[in-house]
């Protein structure tokens, strides 16, 4: 369950906020002037999110390591040509 709380309330009841998150497993979004500023989440959730992020980056690193080494200028030229081709097709009514 996600709970929203003002920054002043969070500050005044910080120990209670920590208890709700740690013991209750709640997610607390702290707002200032109605704008969400931060989320306080249980440590287990944070560790899981960090591990998932790391796993995704490892997949990207494996993919990147198998790609040929292409100079940056060549990549930029290929992208520019592809964009120009799509724009030309749009202008010709081919998209």
C-alpha atoms as a PDB file:
ATOM      1  CA  UNK A   1       0.000   0.000   0.000  1.00  0.00           C
ATOM      2  CA  UNK A   2       1.297   3.440  -0.945  1.00  0.00           C
ATOM      3  CA  UNK A   3       0.803   6.264   1.559  1.00  0.00           C
ATOM      4  CA  UNK A   4       1.229   9.947   0.723  1.00  0.00           C
ATOM      5  CA  UNK A   5       2.432  12.337   3.367  1.00  0.00           C
ATOM      6  CA  UNK A   6       3.451  15.975   3.489  1.00  0.00           C
ATOM      7  CA  UNK A   7       7.068  16.847   4.195  1.00  0.00           C
ATOM      8  CA  UNK A   8       6.183  18.572   7.477  1.00  0.00           C
ATOM      9  CA  UNK A   9       4.225  15.535   8.669  1.00  0.00           C
ATOM     10  CA  UNK A  10       7.087  13.244   7.636  1.00  0.00           C
ATOM     11  CA  UNK A  11       9.585  15.378   9.539  1.00  0.00           C
ATOM     12  CA  UNK A  12       7.404  15.626  12.649  1.00  0.00           C
ATOM     13  CA  UNK A  13       6.653  11.885  12.648  1.00  0.00           C
ATOM     14  CA  UNK A  14       9.886  10.496  11.243  1.00  0.00           C
ATOM     15  CA  UNK A  15      10.159   7.593  13.698  1.00  0.00           C
ATOM     16  CA  UNK A  16       6.569   6.586  12.907  1.00  0.00           C
ATOM     17  CA  UNK A  17       7.283   6.872   9.166  1.00  0.00           C
ATOM     18  CA  UNK A  18      10.300   4.576   9.529  1.00  0.00           C
ATOM     19  CA  UNK A  19       8.205   2.055  11.428  1.00  0.00           C
ATOM     20  CA  UNK A  20       5.460   2.058   8.778  1.00  0.00           C
ATOM     21  CA  UNK A  21       8.045   1.406   6.087  1.00  0.00           C
ATOM     22  CA  UNK A  22      10.272  -1.068   7.918  1.00  0.00           C
ATOM     23  CA  UNK A  23       7.769  -3.062   9.931  1.00  0.00           C
ATOM     24  CA  UNK A  24       4.622  -2.452   7.881  1.00  0.00           C
ATOM     25  CA  UNK A  25       6.245  -2.801   4.467  1.00  0.00           C
ATOM     26  CA  UNK A  26       4.507   0.349   3.267  1.00  0.00           C
ATOM     27  CA  UNK A  27       5.795   2.714   0.622  1.00  0.00           C
ATOM     28  CA  UNK A  28       5.552   6.360   1.676  1.00  0.00           C
ATOM     29  CA  UNK A  29       5.672   9.153  -0.872  1.00  0.00           C
ATOM     30  CA  UNK A  30       6.678  12.425   0.741  1.00  0.00           C
ATOM     31  CA  UNK A  31       5.260  15.527  -0.919  1.00  0.00           C
ATOM     32  CA  UNK A  32       6.099  19.202  -0.656  1.00  0.00           C
ATOM     33  CA  UNK A  33       3.310  21.584  -1.618  1.00  0.00           C
ATOM     34  CA  UNK A  34       1.447  18.631  -3.124  1.00  0.00           C
ATOM     35  CA  UNK A  35       4.363  17.685  -5.385  1.00  0.00           C
ATOM     36  CA  UNK A  36       5.886  14.214  -4.861  1.00  0.00           C
ATOM     37  CA  UNK A  37       9.517  14.648  -3.821  1.00  0.00           C
ATOM     38  CA  UNK A  38      10.788  11.261  -2.574  1.00  0.00           C
ATOM     39  CA  UNK A  39       9.639   7.730  -1.902  1.00  0.00           C
ATOM     40  CA  UNK A  40      10.636   5.916   1.259  1.00  0.00           C
ATOM     41  CA  UNK A  41      10.655   2.180   0.563  1.00  0.00           C
ATOM     42  CA  UNK A  42      11.556  -0.930   2.540  1.00  0.00           C
ATOM     43  CA  UNK A  43      15.213  -1.931   2.293  1.00  0.00           C
ATOM     44  CA  UNK A  44      14.328  -5.316   0.731  1.00  0.00           C
ATOM     45  CA  UNK A  45      12.457  -3.551  -2.082  1.00  0.00           C
ATOM     46  CA  UNK A  46      15.402  -1.209  -2.656  1.00  0.00           C
ATOM     47  CA  UNK A  47      17.879  -4.111  -2.774  1.00  0.00           C
ATOM     48  CA  UNK A  48      15.644  -5.991  -5.238  1.00  0.00           C
ATOM     49  CA  UNK A  49      15.351  -2.932  -7.499  1.00  0.00           C
ATOM     50  CA  UNK A  50      19.122  -2.396  -7.458  1.00  0.00           C
ATOM     51  CA  UNK A  51      19.768  -6.090  -8.228  1.00  0.00           C
ATOM     52  CA  UNK A  52      17.274  -6.030 -11.123  1.00  0.00           C
ATOM     53  CA  UNK A  53      18.870  -2.876 -12.513  1.00  0.00           C
ATOM     54  CA  UNK A  54      22.340  -4.420 -12.272  1.00  0.00           C
ATOM     55  CA  UNK A  55      21.130  -7.583 -14.034  1.00  0.00           C
ATOM     56  CA  UNK A  56      19.706  -5.506 -16.897  1.00  0.00           C
ATOM     57  CA  UNK A  57      22.944  -3.590 -17.295  1.00  0.00           C
ATOM     58  CA  UNK A  58      24.899  -6.860 -17.346  1.00  0.00           C
ATOM     59  CA  UNK A  59      22.737  -8.016 -20.265  1.00  0.00           C
ATOM     60  CA  UNK A  60      23.421  -4.739 -22.074  1.00  0.00           C
ATOM     61  CA  UNK A  61      27.148  -5.074 -21.390  1.00  0.00           C
ATOM     62  CA  UNK A  62      27.159  -8.627 -22.833  1.00  0.00           C
ATOM     63  CA  UNK A  63      25.343  -7.439 -25.954  1.00  0.00           C
ATOM     64  CA  UNK A  64      27.658  -4.434 -26.309  1.00  0.00           C
ATOM     65  CA  UNK A  65      30.759  -6.633 -25.966  1.00  0.00           C
ATOM     66  CA  UNK A  66      29.635  -8.710 -28.976  1.00  0.00           C
ATOM     67  CA  UNK A  67      29.097  -5.727 -31.246  1.00  0.00           C
ATOM     68  CA  UNK A  68      31.775  -4.683 -33.711  1.00  0.00           C
ATOM     69  CA  UNK A  69      33.897  -1.682 -32.796  1.00  0.00           C
ATOM     70  CA  UNK A  70      32.547   1.086 -35.032  1.00  0.00           C
ATOM     71  CA  UNK A  71      33.893   4.654 -34.924  1.00  0.00           C
ATOM     72  CA  UNK A  72      31.466   7.220 -33.465  1.00  0.00           C
ATOM     73  CA  UNK A  73      31.547   9.270 -36.662  1.00  0.00           C
ATOM     74  CA  UNK A  74      30.390   6.270 -38.704  1.00  0.00           C
ATOM     75  CA  UNK A  75      27.503   5.610 -36.332  1.00  0.00           C
ATOM     76  CA  UNK A  76      26.438   9.264 -36.472  1.00  0.00           C
ATOM     77  CA  UNK A  77      26.602   9.216 -40.280  1.00  0.00           C
ATOM     78  CA  UNK A  78      24.470   6.056 -40.453  1.00  0.00           C
ATOM     79  CA  UNK A  79      21.895   7.591 -38.103  1.00  0.00           C
ATOM     80  CA  UNK A  80      21.788  10.821 -40.122  1.00  0.00           C
ATOM     81  CA  UNK A  81      21.266   8.849 -43.345  1.00  0.00           C
ATOM     82  CA  UNK A  82      18.504   6.766 -41.781  1.00  0.00           C
ATOM     83  CA  UNK A  83      16.718   9.879 -40.525  1.00  0.00           C
ATOM     84  CA  UNK A  84      17.021  11.523 -43.929  1.00  0.00           C
ATOM     85  CA  UNK A  85      15.588   8.415 -45.608  1.00  0.00           C
ATOM     86  CA  UNK A  86      12.589   8.314 -43.263  1.00  0.00           C
ATOM     87  CA  UNK A  87      11.928  12.033 -43.738  1.00  0.00           C
ATOM     88  CA  UNK A  88      12.141  11.648 -47.507  1.00  0.00           C
ATOM     89  CA  UNK A  89       9.699   8.736 -47.396  1.00  0.00           C
ATOM     90  CA  UNK A  90       7.314  10.808 -45.236  1.00  0.00           C
ATOM     91  CA  UNK A  91       7.557  13.740 -47.638  1.00  0.00           C
ATOM     92  CA  UNK A  92       6.823  11.430 -50.570  1.00  0.00           C
ATOM     93  CA  UNK A  93       3.792  10.011 -48.739  1.00  0.00           C
ATOM     94  CA  UNK A  94       5.383   6.589 -48.346  1.00  0.00           C
ATOM     95  CA  UNK A  95       5.026   6.244 -44.583  1.00  0.00           C
END
